[in-house]
N, C-alpha and C. Protein backbone atom coordinates (compact mmCIF):
# COMPACT_ATOMS: atom_id res chain seq x y z
N UNK A 1 0.77 -0.93 -0.20
CA UNK A 1 0.11 0.41 0.01
C UNK A 1 0.66 1.07 -0.18
N UNK A 2 0.40 2.05 -1.10
CA UNK A 2 1.29 3.51 -1.20
C UNK A 2 0.85 4.11 -0.02
N UNK A 3 1.79 5.05 0.82
CA UNK A 3 1.02 6.29 2.09
C UNK A 3 1.74 7.52 0.95
N UNK A 4 0.88 8.56 1.11
CA UNK A 4 1.20 9.60 0.82
C UNK A 4 1.86 10.05 1.95
N UNK A 5 2.61 11.32 1.12
CA UNK A 5 3.36 12.44 2.28
C UNK A 5 3.14 14.13 1.96
N UNK A 6 2.49 13.99 0.22
CA UNK A 6 2.72 15.05 0.04
C UNK A 6 1.09 15.13 -0.84
N UNK A 7 0.60 16.38 -1.13
CA UNK A 7 -0.33 16.52 -1.41
C UNK A 7 0.23 18.12 -3.07
N UNK A 8 -0.50 17.86 -3.98
CA UNK A 8 -0.13 18.77 -5.06
C UNK A 8 -1.38 19.65 -5.18
N UNK A 9 -1.21 21.04 -4.94
CA UNK A 9 -2.34 21.78 -4.88
C UNK A 9 -2.13 23.02 -5.85
N UNK A 10 -2.77 23.07 -7.13
CA UNK A 10 -2.75 23.82 -8.02
C UNK A 10 -4.07 24.97 -8.26
N UNK A 11 -3.62 26.21 -7.85
CA UNK A 11 -4.87 27.51 -7.66
C UNK A 11 -4.36 28.52 -9.61
N UNK A 12 -5.13 28.36 -9.79
CA UNK A 12 -5.81 29.19 -10.72
C UNK A 12 -6.53 30.44 -10.68
N UNK A 13 -6.07 31.87 -11.03
CA UNK A 13 -6.46 32.96 -10.45
C UNK A 13 -6.51 34.04 -11.68
N UNK A 14 -7.28 35.24 -11.56
CA UNK A 14 -7.66 36.46 -12.86
C UNK A 14 -6.45 36.96 -12.41
N UNK A 15 -5.68 37.66 -13.38
CA UNK A 15 -4.93 38.80 -13.05
C UNK A 15 -4.48 39.59 -12.25
N UNK A 16 -6.09 39.94 -11.64
CA UNK A 16 -5.95 40.70 -10.01
C UNK A 16 -5.83 39.61 -8.65
N UNK A 17 -5.84 38.35 -9.06
CA UNK A 17 -5.87 37.85 -7.80
C UNK A 17 -7.22 37.70 -6.94
N UNK A 18 -7.81 38.28 -7.70
CA UNK A 18 -9.38 37.99 -6.91
C UNK A 18 -10.57 37.16 -6.97
N UNK A 19 -10.15 36.26 -8.26
CA UNK A 19 -11.03 35.10 -8.45
C UNK A 19 -10.34 33.85 -9.00
N UNK A 20 -9.99 33.26 -7.58
CA UNK A 20 -9.05 31.87 -8.06
C UNK A 20 -10.00 30.49 -7.91
N UNK A 21 -9.60 29.59 -8.39
CA UNK A 21 -9.79 28.37 -8.05
C UNK A 21 -8.59 27.10 -8.38
N UNK A 22 -9.20 25.86 -7.83
CA UNK A 22 -8.50 24.72 -8.01
C UNK A 22 -8.51 24.08 -9.27
N UNK A 23 -7.13 23.91 -9.54
CA UNK A 23 -7.15 23.43 -11.06
C UNK A 23 -6.93 22.08 -11.08
N UNK A 24 -7.37 21.37 -11.57
CA UNK A 24 -7.09 19.50 -11.27
C UNK A 24 -5.56 19.37 -12.36
N UNK A 25 -4.80 18.48 -11.65
CA UNK A 25 -4.01 18.07 -12.65
C UNK A 25 -3.26 16.87 -12.42
N UNK A 26 -2.90 16.13 -13.45
CA UNK A 26 -3.15 14.62 -13.69
C UNK A 26 -2.27 13.81 -12.75
N UNK A 27 -1.74 14.10 -11.56
CA UNK A 27 -0.92 13.32 -10.62
C UNK A 27 -1.16 14.83 -9.44
N UNK A 28 -1.84 14.30 -8.32
CA UNK A 28 -1.38 15.62 -7.17
C UNK A 28 -1.41 15.00 -5.87
N UNK A 29 -1.19 13.34 -6.16
CA UNK A 29 -0.53 12.34 -4.20
C UNK A 29 0.70 12.55 -4.77
N UNK A 30 1.54 11.89 -3.67
CA UNK A 30 2.89 11.64 -3.56
C UNK A 30 3.27 10.96 -2.53
N UNK A 31 4.23 9.90 -2.88
CA UNK A 31 4.95 8.86 -1.55
C UNK A 31 5.78 10.30 -0.81
N UNK A 32 6.39 11.36 -1.85
CA UNK A 32 7.58 11.97 -0.91
C UNK A 32 7.50 12.87 -1.59
N UNK A 33 8.01 13.89 -0.06
CA UNK A 33 7.65 15.61 -0.71
C UNK A 33 8.88 16.01 -1.69
N UNK A 34 9.57 15.67 -2.12
CA UNK A 34 10.75 15.35 -3.89
C UNK A 34 9.71 15.35 -4.57
N UNK A 35 9.48 13.91 -4.60
CA UNK A 35 8.41 13.64 -5.73
C UNK A 35 7.44 14.84 -6.14
N UNK A 36 6.79 15.41 -5.48
CA UNK A 36 5.87 16.50 -5.49
C UNK A 36 6.37 17.46 -5.88
N UNK A 37 7.82 18.28 -5.62
CA UNK A 37 8.43 19.14 -5.71
C UNK A 37 8.68 19.39 -7.28
N UNK A 38 9.52 18.04 -7.46
CA UNK A 38 9.93 17.75 -8.92
C UNK A 38 8.71 17.49 -10.08
N UNK A 39 7.65 17.16 -9.40
CA UNK A 39 6.30 16.93 -10.28
C UNK A 39 5.72 18.55 -10.48
N UNK A 40 5.94 19.83 -9.66
CA UNK A 40 5.15 20.82 -9.56
C UNK A 40 5.15 21.28 -10.79
N UNK A 41 6.83 21.52 -11.33
CA UNK A 41 7.34 22.40 -12.67
C UNK A 41 6.00 21.65 -13.71
N UNK A 42 6.15 20.42 -13.79
CA UNK A 42 4.93 19.68 -14.91
C UNK A 42 3.97 20.52 -14.61
N UNK A 43 3.14 20.12 -13.66
CA UNK A 43 2.04 20.18 -13.14
C UNK A 43 1.43 21.35 -13.68
N UNK A 44 2.39 22.29 -13.51
CA UNK A 44 2.01 24.16 -13.90
C UNK A 44 2.46 24.14 -15.85
N UNK A 45 2.93 23.27 -16.20
CA UNK A 45 2.76 23.12 -18.07
C UNK A 45 1.70 22.86 -18.11
N UNK A 46 0.93 21.95 -17.77
CA UNK A 46 -0.12 21.02 -18.35
C UNK A 46 -1.28 22.05 -18.15
N UNK A 47 -1.33 22.94 -16.98
CA UNK A 47 -2.82 24.18 -16.85
C UNK A 47 -2.18 25.46 -17.13
N UNK A 48 -1.26 25.71 -17.87
CA UNK A 48 -0.96 27.25 -18.15
C UNK A 48 -1.78 27.82 -18.97
N UNK A 49 -2.25 27.27 -19.95
CA UNK A 49 -3.33 28.29 -20.31
C UNK A 49 -4.83 27.78 -19.28
N UNK A 50 -4.95 27.43 -18.70
CA UNK A 50 -6.31 27.72 -17.54
C UNK A 50 -6.70 28.48 -16.72
N UNK A 51 -5.80 29.62 -16.57
CA UNK A 51 -6.00 30.80 -15.83
C UNK A 51 -4.75 31.47 -16.43
N UNK A 52 -4.80 32.97 -16.13
CA UNK A 52 -3.81 34.55 -16.05
C UNK A 52 -3.04 34.51 -15.23
N UNK A 53 -3.03 33.50 -13.82
CA UNK A 53 -1.99 33.59 -12.94
C UNK A 53 -2.23 32.32 -12.25
N UNK A 54 -1.23 31.13 -12.00
CA UNK A 54 -1.22 30.01 -11.18
C UNK A 54 -0.29 29.57 -10.13
N UNK A 55 -0.66 29.34 -9.50
CA UNK A 55 0.09 29.12 -8.16
C UNK A 55 0.29 28.11 -7.59
N UNK A 56 1.04 27.67 -7.20
CA UNK A 56 0.97 26.16 -6.57
C UNK A 56 1.81 25.48 -5.36
N UNK A 57 1.25 24.58 -4.42
CA UNK A 57 1.89 24.73 -3.69
C UNK A 57 2.15 23.39 -3.34
N UNK A 58 3.71 22.02 -2.32
CA UNK A 58 3.24 20.62 -2.43
C UNK A 58 2.93 21.19 -0.51
N UNK A 59 2.03 20.57 -0.07
CA UNK A 59 1.27 20.16 1.21
C UNK A 59 1.99 18.73 1.89
N UNK A 60 2.38 19.10 3.51
CA UNK A 60 3.10 17.64 3.87
C UNK A 60 1.73 17.08 4.11
N UNK A 61 1.84 15.69 4.31
CA UNK A 61 0.66 14.96 4.54
C UNK A 61 1.14 13.88 5.82
N UNK A 62 0.94 13.79 6.74
CA UNK A 62 1.45 12.80 8.01
C UNK A 62 0.60 11.30 7.47
N UNK A 63 1.40 10.74 6.83
CA UNK A 63 0.99 9.35 6.42
C UNK A 63 0.37 8.51 7.64
N UNK A 64 0.25 8.59 8.82
CA UNK A 64 -0.40 8.24 9.95
C UNK A 64 -1.83 8.77 9.59
N UNK A 65 -2.45 9.42 9.16
CA UNK A 65 -3.15 10.36 9.34
C UNK A 65 -4.42 10.78 8.04
N UNK A 66 -3.19 9.97 6.79
CA UNK A 66 -3.47 10.39 5.36
C UNK A 66 -4.82 9.83 5.05
N UNK A 67 -5.90 9.19 5.76
CA UNK A 67 -7.25 8.50 5.20
C UNK A 67 -8.37 9.04 6.61
N UNK A 68 -7.70 10.20 7.35
CA UNK A 68 -8.30 10.81 8.06
C UNK A 68 -9.03 12.55 7.93
N UNK A 69 -7.71 12.69 6.52
CA UNK A 69 -7.74 14.15 6.09
C UNK A 69 -9.02 14.55 4.84
N UNK A 70 -9.53 15.26 5.16
CA UNK A 70 -10.80 15.52 4.65
C UNK A 70 -11.09 16.84 3.55
N UNK A 71 -10.42 17.71 3.75
CA UNK A 71 -10.26 18.94 3.32
C UNK A 71 -8.88 20.15 3.07
N UNK A 72 -8.95 20.65 1.85
CA UNK A 72 -7.69 21.95 1.96
C UNK A 72 -8.68 22.61 2.03
N UNK A 73 -7.64 23.56 2.86
CA UNK A 73 -8.16 25.35 3.14
C UNK A 73 -7.00 25.69 2.31
N UNK A 74 -7.31 26.85 1.92
CA UNK A 74 -6.52 27.63 0.91
C UNK A 74 -6.67 29.19 1.00
N UNK A 75 -6.05 29.79 0.65
CA UNK A 75 -6.30 31.44 0.54
C UNK A 75 -4.72 31.99 -0.35
N UNK A 76 -5.55 32.62 -1.49
CA UNK A 76 -4.41 33.72 -2.16
C UNK A 76 -4.39 35.05 -2.19
N UNK A 77 -3.22 35.12 -1.43
CA UNK A 77 -3.18 36.47 -0.75
C UNK A 77 -3.11 37.70 -2.71
N UNK A 78 -3.18 39.05 -2.31
CA UNK A 78 -3.50 39.63 -3.47
C UNK A 78 -1.56 39.47 -4.18
N UNK A 79 -1.01 39.52 -3.14
CA UNK A 79 0.76 39.31 -4.40
C UNK A 79 1.29 37.84 -4.57
N UNK A 80 -0.46 36.72 -4.79
CA UNK A 80 0.26 35.78 -5.01
C UNK A 80 0.72 34.62 -4.31
N UNK A 81 0.86 34.99 -3.03
CA UNK A 81 1.17 34.02 -1.98
C UNK A 81 -0.02 32.85 -1.64
N UNK A 82 0.43 31.65 -1.90
CA UNK A 82 -0.46 30.63 -1.48
C UNK A 82 -0.34 29.87 -0.24
N UNK A 83 -1.20 30.19 0.67
CA UNK A 83 -1.40 29.74 1.83
C UNK A 83 -2.62 28.57 2.24
N UNK A 84 -1.84 27.35 2.31
CA UNK A 84 -2.67 26.24 2.38
C UNK A 84 -2.12 25.05 3.35
N UNK A 85 -3.03 24.30 3.46
CA UNK A 85 -2.92 23.37 4.79
C UNK A 85 -4.04 22.19 4.11
N UNK A 86 -3.47 20.62 4.15
CA UNK A 86 -4.41 19.93 4.70
C UNK A 86 -5.20 19.81 5.79
N UNK A 87 -6.31 19.39 6.06
CA UNK A 87 -6.86 19.56 7.41
C UNK A 87 -7.79 18.11 7.74
N UNK A 88 -8.28 17.85 8.83
CA UNK A 88 -9.03 16.98 9.40
C UNK A 88 -9.99 18.08 9.97
N UNK A 89 -11.43 17.59 9.72
CA UNK A 89 -12.40 18.74 10.48
C UNK A 89 -12.76 18.38 11.49
N UNK A 90 -13.20 17.22 12.05
CA UNK A 90 -13.16 16.85 13.84
C UNK A 90 -12.09 17.26 14.28
N UNK A 91 -10.99 17.53 14.14
CA UNK A 91 -9.68 17.38 15.22
C UNK A 91 -9.93 18.74 15.92
N UNK A 92 -9.50 18.84 16.76
CA UNK A 92 -9.38 19.89 17.73
C UNK A 92 -7.90 20.23 17.90
N UNK A 93 -6.91 21.11 16.71
CA UNK A 93 -5.61 20.73 17.36
C UNK A 93 -5.27 22.25 18.81
N UNK A 94 -6.36 23.34 18.52
CA UNK A 94 -5.73 23.91 20.06
C UNK A 94 -7.10 24.43 20.62
N UNK A 95 -6.67 24.79 22.01
CA UNK A 95 -8.29 25.13 22.29
C UNK A 95 -7.78 26.84 23.12
N UNK A 96 -8.89 27.46 23.37
CA UNK A 96 -8.80 28.46 24.32
C UNK A 96 -8.31 28.29 25.95
N UNK A 97 -8.38 27.13 26.07
CA UNK A 97 -8.07 27.14 27.47
C UNK A 97 -9.09 26.81 28.56
N UNK A 98 -10.14 26.81 28.25
CA UNK A 98 -11.41 26.85 28.71
C UNK A 98 -11.59 25.25 29.02
N UNK A 99 -11.96 24.87 30.23
CA UNK A 99 -12.55 23.17 30.38
C UNK A 99 -13.83 23.32 31.37
N UNK A 100 -14.48 22.56 30.82
CA UNK A 100 -15.66 22.63 31.43
C UNK A 100 -15.84 22.07 32.86
N UNK A 101 -16.55 22.62 33.40
CA UNK A 101 -16.50 22.75 34.85
C UNK A 101 -17.22 20.94 35.54
N UNK A 102 -16.21 20.75 36.18
CA UNK A 102 -16.67 18.93 36.65
C UNK A 102 -17.42 19.31 37.93
N UNK A 103 -18.43 18.26 37.40
CA UNK A 103 -19.45 18.44 38.84
C UNK A 103 -19.31 17.52 40.06
N UNK A 104 -18.19 16.96 39.97
CA UNK A 104 -17.54 16.45 41.26
C UNK A 104 -17.21 17.79 42.07
N UNK A 105 -16.82 18.49 41.61
CA UNK A 105 -15.99 19.77 41.90
C UNK A 105 -16.72 20.92 42.68
N UNK A 106 -17.97 20.85 42.91
CA UNK A 106 -18.72 21.76 42.88
C UNK A 106 -19.40 21.41 44.32
N UNK A 107 -19.26 22.35 45.39
CA UNK A 107 -19.71 22.45 46.77
C UNK A 107 -20.85 22.86 46.79
N UNK A 108 -21.54 22.15 47.53
CA UNK A 108 -22.97 22.56 48.00
C UNK A 108 -23.79 22.05 48.99
């Protein structure tokens, strides 16, 4: 069984970077980050006529959690910088420190 350690995300945008969408590429999952990085250049060539400006990024994936990931969250800044991550919807990564009060701690 192959394990995925990187996902290639390719985004096509208008010249003003205000309208963007994900672009499909022939191969988007990779066993190593190096394979993803090597393929990125070819993937950009495959989609070059689909948008005025194209940005791409290889996103790391924890192989132990590869079946749990269910969304890619991304944003393209006006300067063309692509912020993106592969995430798990139901995983709480951090909290604000508030914890529910325990009933057995209440003095009555």
